[in-house]
PDB file of all heavy atoms in Angstrom:
ATOM      1  N   SER A   1       0.821  -1.213   0.000  1.00  0.00           N
ATOM      2  CA  SER A   1       0.000   0.000   0.000  1.00  0.00           C
ATOM      3  C   SER A   1       0.854   1.263   0.000  1.00  0.00           C
ATOM      4  O   SER A   1       0.419   2.314  -0.473  1.00  0.00           O
ATOM      5  CB  SER A   1      -0.924   0.019   1.222  1.00  0.00           C
ATOM      6  OG  SER A   1      -1.803  -1.080   1.220  1.00  0.00           O
ATOM      7  N   ARG A   2       2.050   1.148   0.542  1.00  0.00           N
ATOM      8  CA  ARG A   2       2.927   2.327   0.610  1.00  0.00           C
ATOM      9  C   ARG A   2       3.260   2.842  -0.783  1.00  0.00           C
ATOM     10  O   ARG A   2       3.426   4.050  -0.979  1.00  0.00           O
ATOM     11  CB  ARG A   2       4.219   1.945   1.370  1.00  0.00           C
ATOM     12  CG  ARG A   2       5.304   3.014   1.344  1.00  0.00           C
ATOM     13  CD  ARG A   2       4.867   4.236   2.139  1.00  0.00           C
ATOM     14  NE  ARG A   2       5.916   5.241   2.171  1.00  0.00           N
ATOM     15  CZ  ARG A   2       6.127   6.181   1.262  1.00  0.00           C
ATOM     16  NH1 ARG A   2       5.331   6.225   0.196  1.00  0.00           N
ATOM     17  NH2 ARG A   2       7.088   7.056   1.393  1.00  0.00           N
ATOM     18  N   TRP A   3       3.333   1.948  -1.753  1.00  0.00           N
ATOM     19  CA  TRP A   3       3.836   2.337  -3.065  1.00  0.00           C
ATOM     20  C   TRP A   3       2.837   2.118  -4.208  1.00  0.00           C
ATOM     21  O   TRP A   3       3.221   2.196  -5.373  1.00  0.00           O
ATOM     22  CB  TRP A   3       5.114   1.556  -3.371  1.00  0.00           C
ATOM     23  CG  TRP A   3       6.164   1.724  -2.332  1.00  0.00           C
ATOM     24  CD1 TRP A   3       6.546   0.824  -1.377  1.00  0.00           C
ATOM     25  CD2 TRP A   3       6.959   2.888  -2.089  1.00  0.00           C
ATOM     26  NE1 TRP A   3       7.517   1.339  -0.570  1.00  0.00           N
ATOM     27  CE2 TRP A   3       7.805   2.614  -0.984  1.00  0.00           C
ATOM     28  CE3 TRP A   3       7.043   4.136  -2.707  1.00  0.00           C
ATOM     29  CZ2 TRP A   3       8.709   3.536  -0.482  1.00  0.00           C
ATOM     30  CZ3 TRP A   3       7.953   5.065  -2.212  1.00  0.00           C
ATOM     31  CH2 TRP A   3       8.773   4.757  -1.118  1.00  0.00           C
ATOM     32  N   ASP A   4       1.569   1.829  -3.897  1.00  0.00           N
ATOM     33  CA  ASP A   4       0.642   1.569  -5.003  1.00  0.00           C
ATOM     34  C   ASP A   4      -0.123   2.802  -5.460  1.00  0.00           C
ATOM     35  O   ASP A   4      -0.928   2.735  -6.395  1.00  0.00           O
ATOM     36  CB  ASP A   4      -0.331   0.441  -4.635  1.00  0.00           C
ATOM     37  CG  ASP A   4      -1.290   0.815  -3.512  1.00  0.00           C
ATOM     38  OD1 ASP A   4      -1.263   1.972  -3.050  1.00  0.00           O
ATOM     39  OD2 ASP A   4      -2.063  -0.076  -3.077  1.00  0.00           O
ATOM     40  N   GLY A   5       0.100   3.927  -4.798  1.00  0.00           N
ATOM     41  CA  GLY A   5      -0.526   5.178  -5.230  1.00  0.00           C
ATOM     42  C   GLY A   5      -2.006   5.286  -4.943  1.00  0.00           C
ATOM     43  O   GLY A   5      -2.673   6.206  -5.428  1.00  0.00           O
ATOM     44  N   GLN A   6      -2.560   4.382  -4.123  1.00  0.00           N
ATOM     45  CA  GLN A   6      -3.996   4.391  -3.850  1.00  0.00           C
ATOM     46  C   GLN A   6      -4.366   5.171  -2.585  1.00  0.00           C
ATOM     47  O   GLN A   6      -5.530   5.205  -2.203  1.00  0.00           O
ATOM     48  CB  GLN A   6      -4.501   2.943  -3.709  1.00  0.00           C
ATOM     49  CG  GLN A   6      -4.265   2.086  -4.939  1.00  0.00           C
ATOM     50  CD  GLN A   6      -4.955   2.638  -6.170  1.00  0.00           C
ATOM     51  OE1 GLN A   6      -6.145   2.955  -6.122  1.00  0.00           O
ATOM     52  NE2 GLN A   6      -4.209   2.764  -7.270  1.00  0.00           N
ATOM     53  N   GLN A   7      -3.380   5.745  -1.934  1.00  0.00           N
ATOM     54  CA  GLN A   7      -3.597   6.562  -0.726  1.00  0.00           C
ATOM     55  C   GLN A   7      -4.290   5.753   0.388  1.00  0.00           C
ATOM     56  O   GLN A   7      -5.159   6.252   1.087  1.00  0.00           O
ATOM     57  CB  GLN A   7      -4.398   7.825  -1.052  1.00  0.00           C
ATOM     58  CG  GLN A   7      -3.693   8.737  -2.039  1.00  0.00           C
ATOM     59  CD  GLN A   7      -4.456  10.003  -2.332  1.00  0.00           C
ATOM     60  OE1 GLN A   7      -5.627  10.126  -1.979  1.00  0.00           O
ATOM     61  NE2 GLN A   7      -3.802  10.957  -2.963  1.00  0.00           N
ATOM     62  N   LYS A   8      -3.862   4.525   0.519  1.00  0.00           N
ATOM     63  CA  LYS A   8      -4.427   3.662   1.571  1.00  0.00           C
ATOM     64  C   LYS A   8      -3.347   3.153   2.514  1.00  0.00           C
ATOM     65  O   LYS A   8      -3.479   2.106   3.134  1.00  0.00           O
ATOM     66  CB  LYS A   8      -5.176   2.481   0.936  1.00  0.00           C
ATOM     67  CG  LYS A   8      -6.420   2.900   0.163  1.00  0.00           C
ATOM     68  CD  LYS A   8      -7.142   1.701  -0.425  1.00  0.00           C
ATOM     69  CE  LYS A   8      -8.391   2.144  -1.167  1.00  0.00           C
ATOM     70  NZ  LYS A   8      -9.116   0.997  -1.780  1.00  0.00           N
ATOM     71  N   TRP A   9      -2.277   3.914   2.601  1.00  0.00           N
ATOM     72  CA  TRP A   9      -1.199   3.532   3.517  1.00  0.00           C
ATOM     73  C   TRP A   9      -1.504   4.118   4.886  1.00  0.00           C
ATOM     74  O   TRP A   9      -1.052   5.193   5.241  1.00  0.00           O
ATOM     75  CB  TRP A   9       0.144   4.017   2.984  1.00  0.00           C
ATOM     76  CG  TRP A   9       1.318   3.419   3.693  1.00  0.00           C
ATOM     77  CD1 TRP A   9       1.544   2.097   3.939  1.00  0.00           C
ATOM     78  CD2 TRP A   9       2.440   4.118   4.239  1.00  0.00           C
ATOM     79  NE1 TRP A   9       2.739   1.918   4.609  1.00  0.00           N
ATOM     80  CE2 TRP A   9       3.305   3.142   4.804  1.00  0.00           C
ATOM     81  CE3 TRP A   9       2.806   5.457   4.311  1.00  0.00           C
ATOM     82  CZ2 TRP A   9       4.507   3.489   5.419  1.00  0.00           C
ATOM     83  CZ3 TRP A   9       4.000   5.790   4.927  1.00  0.00           C
ATOM     84  CH2 TRP A   9       4.839   4.806   5.476  1.00  0.00           C
ATOM     85  N   ASN A  10      -2.309   3.404   5.654  1.00  0.00           N
ATOM     86  CA  ASN A  10      -2.738   3.876   6.971  1.00  0.00           C
ATOM     87  C   ASN A  10      -3.001   2.668   7.862  1.00  0.00           C
ATOM     88  O   ASN A  10      -2.800   1.528   7.452  1.00  0.00           O
ATOM     89  CB  ASN A  10      -3.985   4.760   6.848  1.00  0.00           C
ATOM     90  CG  ASN A  10      -5.115   4.060   6.113  1.00  0.00           C
ATOM     91  OD1 ASN A  10      -5.553   2.977   6.508  1.00  0.00           O
ATOM     92  ND2 ASN A  10      -5.602   4.667   5.023  1.00  0.00           N
ATOM     93  N   LEU A  11      -3.432   2.938   9.071  1.00  0.00           N
ATOM     94  CA  LEU A  11      -3.637   1.848  10.031  1.00  0.00           C
ATOM     95  C   LEU A  11      -5.113   1.520  10.242  1.00  0.00           C
ATOM     96  O   LEU A  11      -5.467   0.871  11.225  1.00  0.00           O
ATOM     97  CB  LEU A  11      -2.986   2.212  11.371  1.00  0.00           C
ATOM     98  CG  LEU A  11      -1.455   2.235  11.344  1.00  0.00           C
ATOM     99  CD1 LEU A  11      -0.911   2.717  12.680  1.00  0.00           C
ATOM    100  CD2 LEU A  11      -0.901   0.861  11.022  1.00  0.00           C
ATOM    101  N   HIS A  12      -5.976   1.951   9.348  1.00  0.00           N
ATOM    102  CA  HIS A  12      -7.392   1.589   9.451  1.00  0.00           C
ATOM    103  C   HIS A  12      -7.543   0.098   9.142  1.00  0.00           C
ATOM    104  O   HIS A  12      -7.028  -0.395   8.140  1.00  0.00           O
ATOM    105  CB  HIS A  12      -8.236   2.409   8.479  1.00  0.00           C
ATOM    106  CG  HIS A  12      -8.163   3.877   8.709  1.00  0.00           C
ATOM    107  ND1 HIS A  12      -8.285   4.435   9.960  1.00  0.00           N
ATOM    108  CD2 HIS A  12      -7.971   4.917   7.855  1.00  0.00           C
ATOM    109  CE1 HIS A  12      -8.179   5.747   9.870  1.00  0.00           C
ATOM    110  NE2 HIS A  12      -7.989   6.065   8.605  1.00  0.00           N
ATOM    111  N   MET A  13      -8.223  -0.613  10.023  1.00  0.00           N
ATOM    112  CA  MET A  13      -8.404  -2.046   9.839  1.00  0.00           C
ATOM    113  C   MET A  13      -9.567  -2.287   8.885  1.00  0.00           C
ATOM    114  O   MET A  13     -10.646  -2.752   9.260  1.00  0.00           O
ATOM    115  CB  MET A  13      -8.630  -2.734  11.187  1.00  0.00           C
ATOM    116  CG  MET A  13      -8.386  -4.246  11.141  1.00  0.00           C
ATOM    117  SD  MET A  13      -6.772  -4.737  10.517  1.00  0.00           S
ATOM    118  CE  MET A  13      -5.695  -4.155  11.829  1.00  0.00           C
ATOM    119  N   ILE A  14      -9.317  -1.952   7.614  1.00  0.00           N
ATOM    120  CA  ILE A  14     -10.321  -2.051   6.559  1.00  0.00           C
ATOM    121  C   ILE A  14      -9.706  -2.788   5.374  1.00  0.00           C
ATOM    122  O   ILE A  14      -8.552  -2.556   5.016  1.00  0.00           O
ATOM    123  CB  ILE A  14     -10.793  -0.646   6.112  1.00  0.00           C
ATOM    124  CG1 ILE A  14     -11.438   0.100   7.282  1.00  0.00           C
ATOM    125  CG2 ILE A  14     -11.752  -0.728   4.932  1.00  0.00           C
ATOM    126  CD1 ILE A  14     -11.776   1.537   6.970  1.00  0.00           C
ATOM    127  N   ASP A  15     -10.481  -3.688   4.775  1.00  0.00           N
ATOM    128  CA  ASP A  15     -10.005  -4.383   3.587  1.00  0.00           C
ATOM    129  C   ASP A  15      -9.814  -3.378   2.464  1.00  0.00           C
ATOM    130  O   ASP A  15     -10.710  -2.599   2.147  1.00  0.00           O
ATOM    131  CB  ASP A  15     -11.006  -5.460   3.167  1.00  0.00           C
ATOM    132  CG  ASP A  15     -10.463  -6.373   2.093  1.00  0.00           C
ATOM    133  OD1 ASP A  15     -10.243  -5.893   0.964  1.00  0.00           O
ATOM    134  OD2 ASP A  15     -10.242  -7.566   2.366  1.00  0.00           O
ATOM    135  N   GLU A  16      -8.630  -3.387   1.857  1.00  0.00           N
ATOM    136  CA  GLU A  16      -8.303  -2.350   0.878  1.00  0.00           C
ATOM    137  C   GLU A  16      -9.145  -2.449  -0.392  1.00  0.00           C
ATOM    138  O   GLU A  16      -9.301  -1.455  -1.106  1.00  0.00           O
ATOM    139  CB  GLU A  16      -6.826  -2.391   0.515  1.00  0.00           C
ATOM    140  CG  GLU A  16      -6.387  -3.603  -0.275  1.00  0.00           C
ATOM    141  CD  GLU A  16      -5.099  -3.331  -1.038  1.00  0.00           C
ATOM    142  OE1 GLU A  16      -4.297  -2.522  -0.575  1.00  0.00           O
ATOM    143  OE2 GLU A  16      -4.919  -3.930  -2.116  1.00  0.00           O
ATOM    144  N   ASP A  17      -9.686  -3.637  -0.682  1.00  0.00           N
ATOM    145  CA  ASP A  17     -10.501  -3.797  -1.886  1.00  0.00           C
ATOM    146  C   ASP A  17     -11.992  -3.644  -1.616  1.00  0.00           C
ATOM    147  O   ASP A  17     -12.695  -2.902  -2.299  1.00  0.00           O
ATOM    148  CB  ASP A  17     -10.240  -5.167  -2.520  1.00  0.00           C
ATOM    149  CG  ASP A  17      -8.861  -5.250  -3.150  1.00  0.00           C
ATOM    150  OD1 ASP A  17      -8.323  -4.196  -3.548  1.00  0.00           O
ATOM    151  OD2 ASP A  17      -8.314  -6.364  -3.226  1.00  0.00           O
ATOM    152  N   THR A  18     -12.488  -4.350  -0.602  1.00  0.00           N
ATOM    153  CA  THR A  18     -13.928  -4.396  -0.366  1.00  0.00           C
ATOM    154  C   THR A  18     -14.421  -3.281   0.548  1.00  0.00           C
ATOM    155  O   THR A  18     -15.612  -2.991   0.576  1.00  0.00           O
ATOM    156  CB  THR A  18     -14.324  -5.749   0.250  1.00  0.00           C
ATOM    157  OG1 THR A  18     -13.750  -5.849   1.571  1.00  0.00           O
ATOM    158  CG2 THR A  18     -13.815  -6.898  -0.613  1.00  0.00           C
ATOM    159  N   GLY A  19     -13.525  -2.685   1.328  1.00  0.00           N
ATOM    160  CA  GLY A  19     -13.931  -1.664   2.281  1.00  0.00           C
ATOM    161  C   GLY A  19     -14.575  -2.225   3.538  1.00  0.00           C
ATOM    162  O   GLY A  19     -15.059  -1.468   4.386  1.00  0.00           O
ATOM    163  N   GLU A  20     -14.585  -3.561   3.676  1.00  0.00           N
ATOM    164  CA  GLU A  20     -15.181  -4.190   4.854  1.00  0.00           C
ATOM    165  C   GLU A  20     -14.284  -4.036   6.076  1.00  0.00           C
ATOM    166  O   GLU A  20     -13.059  -4.033   5.965  1.00  0.00           O
ATOM    167  CB  GLU A  20     -15.433  -5.671   4.585  1.00  0.00           C
ATOM    168  CG  GLU A  20     -16.444  -5.942   3.492  1.00  0.00           C
ATOM    169  CD  GLU A  20     -16.540  -7.431   3.167  1.00  0.00           C
ATOM    170  OE1 GLU A  20     -15.495  -8.123   3.179  1.00  0.00           O
ATOM    171  OE2 GLU A  20     -17.657  -7.894   2.891  1.00  0.00           O
ATOM    172  N   GLN A  21     -14.913  -3.917   7.229  1.00  0.00           N
ATOM    173  CA  GLN A  21     -14.165  -3.885   8.483  1.00  0.00           C
ATOM    174  C   GLN A  21     -13.499  -5.235   8.700  1.00  0.00           C
ATOM    175  O   GLN A  21     -14.075  -6.280   8.380  1.00  0.00           O
ATOM    176  CB  GLN A  21     -15.093  -3.581   9.655  1.00  0.00           C
ATOM    177  CG  GLN A  21     -15.538  -2.128   9.734  1.00  0.00           C
ATOM    178  CD  GLN A  21     -14.396  -1.190  10.104  1.00  0.00           C
ATOM    179  OE1 GLN A  21     -14.211  -0.166   9.471  1.00  0.00           O
ATOM    180  NE2 GLN A  21     -13.636  -1.550  11.127  1.00  0.00           N
ATOM    181  N   ILE A  22     -12.302  -5.209   9.249  1.00  0.00           N
ATOM    182  CA  ILE A  22     -11.559  -6.442   9.499  1.00  0.00           C
ATOM    183  C   ILE A  22     -11.421  -6.653  11.002  1.00  0.00           C
ATOM    184  O   ILE A  22     -11.009  -5.753  11.730  1.00  0.00           O
ATOM    185  CB  ILE A  22     -10.155  -6.388   8.855  1.00  0.00           C
ATOM    186  CG1 ILE A  22     -10.262  -6.223   7.337  1.00  0.00           C
ATOM    187  CG2 ILE A  22      -9.355  -7.639   9.212  1.00  0.00           C
ATOM    188  CD1 ILE A  22      -8.918  -6.043   6.660  1.00  0.00           C
ATOM    189  N   GLU A  23     -11.769  -7.839  11.442  1.00  0.00           N
ATOM    190  CA  GLU A  23     -11.492  -8.282  12.804  1.00  0.00           C
ATOM    191  C   GLU A  23     -10.487  -9.425  12.682  1.00  0.00           C
ATOM    192  O   GLU A  23     -10.865 -10.591  12.543  1.00  0.00           O
ATOM    193  CB  GLU A  23     -12.766  -8.752  13.497  1.00  0.00           C
ATOM    194  CG  GLU A  23     -12.557  -9.259  14.933  1.00  0.00           C
ATOM    195  CD  GLU A  23     -11.976  -8.214  15.866  1.00  0.00           C
ATOM    196  OE1 GLU A  23     -12.369  -7.028  15.745  1.00  0.00           O
ATOM    197  OE2 GLU A  23     -11.133  -8.571  16.711  1.00  0.00           O
ATOM    198  N   PRO A  24      -9.184  -9.111  12.698  1.00  0.00           N
ATOM    199  CA  PRO A  24      -8.191 -10.149  12.407  1.00  0.00           C
ATOM    200  C   PRO A  24      -8.105 -11.206  13.494  1.00  0.00           C
ATOM    201  O   PRO A  24      -8.270 -10.906  14.679  1.00  0.00           O
ATOM    202  CB  PRO A  24      -6.887  -9.355  12.304  1.00  0.00           C
ATOM    203  CG  PRO A  24      -7.119  -8.123  13.102  1.00  0.00           C
ATOM    204  CD  PRO A  24      -8.574  -7.814  12.990  1.00  0.00           C
ATOM    205  N   ARG A  25      -7.864 -12.422  13.073  1.00  0.00           N
ATOM    206  CA  ARG A  25      -7.685 -13.528  14.010  1.00  0.00           C
ATOM    207  C   ARG A  25      -6.193 -13.664  14.303  1.00  0.00           C
ATOM    208  O   ARG A  25      -5.372 -13.721  13.381  1.00  0.00           O
ATOM    209  CB  ARG A  25      -8.230 -14.824  13.412  1.00  0.00           C
ATOM    210  CG  ARG A  25      -8.209 -15.997  14.375  1.00  0.00           C
ATOM    211  CD  ARG A  25      -8.702 -17.291  13.731  1.00  0.00           C
ATOM    212  NE  ARG A  25      -8.704 -18.386  14.700  1.00  0.00           N
ATOM    213  CZ  ARG A  25      -9.747 -18.716  15.454  1.00  0.00           C
ATOM    214  NH1 ARG A  25     -10.884 -18.053  15.336  1.00  0.00           N
ATOM    215  NH2 ARG A  25      -9.658 -19.720  16.326  1.00  0.00           N
ATOM    216  N   LEU A  26      -5.840 -13.732  15.593  1.00  0.00           N
ATOM    217  CA  LEU A  26      -4.431 -13.812  15.969  1.00  0.00           C
ATOM    218  C   LEU A  26      -3.844 -15.199  15.741  1.00  0.00           C
ATOM    219  O   LEU A  26      -2.685 -15.329  15.360  1.00  0.00           O
ATOM    220  CB  LEU A  26      -4.247 -13.437  17.449  1.00  0.00           C
ATOM    221  CG  LEU A  26      -4.052 -11.965  17.808  1.00  0.00           C
ATOM    222  CD1 LEU A  26      -3.711 -11.837  19.278  1.00  0.00           C
ATOM    223  CD2 LEU A  26      -2.954 -11.337  16.963  1.00  0.00           C
ATOM    224  N   SER A  27      -4.603 -16.226  15.991  1.00  0.00           N
ATOM    225  CA  SER A  27      -4.068 -17.589  15.975  1.00  0.00           C
ATOM    226  C   SER A  27      -4.986 -18.510  15.198  1.00  0.00           C
ATOM    227  O   SER A  27      -6.197 -18.290  15.131  1.00  0.00           O
ATOM    228  CB  SER A  27      -3.914 -18.099  17.419  1.00  0.00           C
ATOM    229  OG  SER A  27      -3.589 -19.468  17.441  1.00  0.00           O
ATOM    230  N   VAL A  28      -4.393 -19.559  14.627  1.00  0.00           N
ATOM    231  CA  VAL A  28      -5.228 -20.575  13.977  1.00  0.00           C
ATOM    232  C   VAL A  28      -5.618 -21.678  14.955  1.00  0.00           C
ATOM    233  O   VAL A  28      -6.327 -22.614  14.583  1.00  0.00           O
ATOM    234  CB  VAL A  28      -4.525 -21.190  12.738  1.00  0.00           C
ATOM    235  CG1 VAL A  28      -4.216 -20.124  11.712  1.00  0.00           C
ATOM    236  CG2 VAL A  28      -3.284 -21.956  13.129  1.00  0.00           C
ATOM    237  N   LEU A  29      -5.161 -21.556  16.208  1.00  0.00           N
ATOM    238  CA  LEU A  29      -5.555 -22.537  17.211  1.00  0.00           C
ATOM    239  C   LEU A  29      -7.071 -22.450  17.413  1.00  0.00           C
ATOM    240  O   LEU A  29      -7.621 -21.392  17.699  1.00  0.00           O
ATOM    241  CB  LEU A  29      -4.835 -22.276  18.535  1.00  0.00           C
ATOM    242  CG  LEU A  29      -5.028 -23.338  19.622  1.00  0.00           C
ATOM    243  CD1 LEU A  29      -4.458 -24.683  19.175  1.00  0.00           C
ATOM    244  CD2 LEU A  29      -4.378 -22.902  20.930  1.00  0.00           C
ATOM    245  N   GLY A  30      -7.738 -23.561  17.266  1.00  0.00           N
ATOM    246  CA  GLY A  30      -9.196 -23.590  17.335  1.00  0.00           C
ATOM    247  C   GLY A  30      -9.830 -23.812  15.986  1.00  0.00           C
ATOM    248  O   GLY A  30     -10.961 -24.307  15.897  1.00  0.00           O
ATOM    249  N   ILE A  31      -9.094 -23.469  14.926  1.00  0.00           N
ATOM    250  CA  ILE A  31      -9.570 -23.745  13.566  1.00  0.00           C
ATOM    251  C   ILE A  31      -8.512 -24.515  12.789  1.00  0.00           C
ATOM    252  O   ILE A  31      -8.572 -24.630  11.567  1.00  0.00           O
ATOM    253  CB  ILE A  31      -9.935 -22.448  12.807  1.00  0.00           C
ATOM    254  CG1 ILE A  31      -8.709 -21.542  12.670  1.00  0.00           C
ATOM    255  CG2 ILE A  31     -11.071 -21.705  13.472  1.00  0.00           C
ATOM    256  CD1 ILE A  31      -8.922 -20.364  11.713  1.00  0.00           C
ATOM    257  N   GLU A  32      -7.518 -25.039  13.537  1.00  0.00           N
ATOM    258  CA  GLU A  32      -6.396 -25.701  12.880  1.00  0.00           C
ATOM    259  C   GLU A  32      -6.811 -27.031  12.260  1.00  0.00           C
ATOM    260  O   GLU A  32      -7.795 -27.655  12.690  1.00  0.00           O
ATOM    261  CB  GLU A  32      -5.246 -25.920  13.874  1.00  0.00           C
ATOM    262  CG  GLU A  32      -5.412 -27.104  14.813  1.00  0.00           C
ATOM    263  CD  GLU A  32      -6.308 -26.823  15.999  1.00  0.00           C
ATOM    264  OE1 GLU A  32      -6.844 -25.699  16.116  1.00  0.00           O
ATOM    265  OE2 GLU A  32      -6.488 -27.744  16.830  1.00  0.00           O
ATOM    266  N   ASP A  33      -6.051 -27.461  11.275  1.00  0.00           N
ATOM    267  CA  ASP A  33      -6.237 -28.791  10.690  1.00  0.00           C
ATOM    268  C   ASP A  33      -5.336 -29.816  11.335  1.00  0.00           C
ATOM    269  O   ASP A  33      -5.610 -31.023  11.276  1.00  0.00           O
ATOM    270  CB  ASP A  33      -5.966 -28.738   9.179  1.00  0.00           C
ATOM    271  CG  ASP A  33      -7.024 -27.943   8.449  1.00  0.00           C
ATOM    272  OD1 ASP A  33      -8.219 -28.224   8.648  1.00  0.00           O
ATOM    273  OD2 ASP A  33      -6.666 -27.024   7.689  1.00  0.00           O
ATOM    274  N   GLU A  34      -4.260 -29.343  11.941  1.00  0.00           N
ATOM    275  CA  GLU A  34      -3.364 -30.261  12.643  1.00  0.00           C
ATOM    276  C   GLU A  34      -2.455 -29.466  13.576  1.00  0.00           C
ATOM    277  O   GLU A  34      -2.317 -28.248  13.452  1.00  0.00           O
ATOM    278  CB  GLU A  34      -2.502 -31.066  11.659  1.00  0.00           C
ATOM    279  CG  GLU A  34      -1.520 -30.231  10.865  1.00  0.00           C
ATOM    280  CD  GLU A  34      -0.581 -31.083  10.015  1.00  0.00           C
ATOM    281  OE1 GLU A  34       0.407 -31.589  10.582  1.00  0.00           O
ATOM    282  OE2 GLU A  34      -0.838 -31.226   8.799  1.00  0.00           O
ATOM    283  N   ILE A  35      -1.877 -30.198  14.521  1.00  0.00           N
ATOM    284  CA  ILE A  35      -0.813 -29.643  15.351  1.00  0.00           C
ATOM    285  C   ILE A  35       0.490 -30.241  14.819  1.00  0.00           C
ATOM    286  O   ILE A  35       0.658 -31.461  14.809  1.00  0.00           O
ATOM    287  CB  ILE A  35      -0.978 -30.005  16.836  1.00  0.00           C
ATOM    288  CG1 ILE A  35      -2.295 -29.446  17.378  1.00  0.00           C
ATOM    289  CG2 ILE A  35       0.197 -29.472  17.636  1.00  0.00           C
ATOM    290  CD1 ILE A  35      -2.387 -27.934  17.397  1.00  0.00           C
ATOM    291  N   GLY A  36       1.367 -29.392  14.318  1.00  0.00           N
ATOM    292  CA  GLY A  36       2.604 -29.867  13.723  1.00  0.00           C
ATOM    293  C   GLY A  36       3.817 -29.322  14.441  1.00  0.00           C
ATOM    294  O   GLY A  36       3.718 -28.447  15.308  1.00  0.00           O
ATOM    295  N   MET A  37       4.966 -29.840  14.094  1.00  0.00           N
ATOM    296  CA  MET A  37       6.222 -29.418  14.714  1.00  0.00           C
ATOM    297  C   MET A  37       6.986 -28.525  13.749  1.00  0.00           C
ATOM    298  O   MET A  37       7.152 -28.854  12.572  1.00  0.00           O
ATOM    299  CB  MET A  37       7.061 -30.637  15.084  1.00  0.00           C
ATOM    300  CG  MET A  37       8.350 -30.305  15.819  1.00  0.00           C
ATOM    301  SD  MET A  37       9.232 -31.801  16.322  1.00  0.00           S
ATOM    302  CE  MET A  37       8.112 -32.418  17.603  1.00  0.00           C
ATOM    303  N   VAL A  38       7.434 -27.373  14.242  1.00  0.00           N
ATOM    304  CA  VAL A  38       8.176 -26.424  13.416  1.00  0.00           C
ATOM    305  C   VAL A  38       9.614 -26.345  13.904  1.00  0.00           C
ATOM    306  O   VAL A  38       9.889 -26.395  15.100  1.00  0.00           O
ATOM    307  CB  VAL A  38       7.512 -25.029  13.448  1.00  0.00           C
ATOM    308  CG1 VAL A  38       7.545 -24.425  14.845  1.00  0.00           C
ATOM    309  CG2 VAL A  38       8.171 -24.083  12.447  1.00  0.00           C
ATOM    310  N   ARG A  39      10.541 -26.248  12.972  1.00  0.00           N
ATOM    311  CA  ARG A  39      11.959 -26.065  13.307  1.00  0.00           C
ATOM    312  C   ARG A  39      12.252 -24.573  13.430  1.00  0.00           C
ATOM    313  O   ARG A  39      11.907 -23.789  12.552  1.00  0.00           O
ATOM    314  CB  ARG A  39      12.849 -26.669  12.225  1.00  0.00           C
ATOM    315  CG  ARG A  39      12.854 -28.189  12.190  1.00  0.00           C
ATOM    316  CD  ARG A  39      13.999 -28.680  11.321  1.00  0.00           C
ATOM    317  NE  ARG A  39      14.056 -30.139  11.284  1.00  0.00           N
ATOM    318  CZ  ARG A  39      13.597 -30.872  10.285  1.00  0.00           C
ATOM    319  NH1 ARG A  39      13.031 -30.279   9.249  1.00  0.00           N
ATOM    320  NH2 ARG A  39      13.694 -32.184  10.311  1.00  0.00           N
TER     321      ARG A  39
END
């Protein structure tokens, strides 16, 4: 957004295309497909 010239480089939690409000999910725990091991 910083360089696309659309003047949407801000901290509003809004979808840049649809204009919908965003309530972001912090973790996939609870909707995960598996518990895996990461290096």
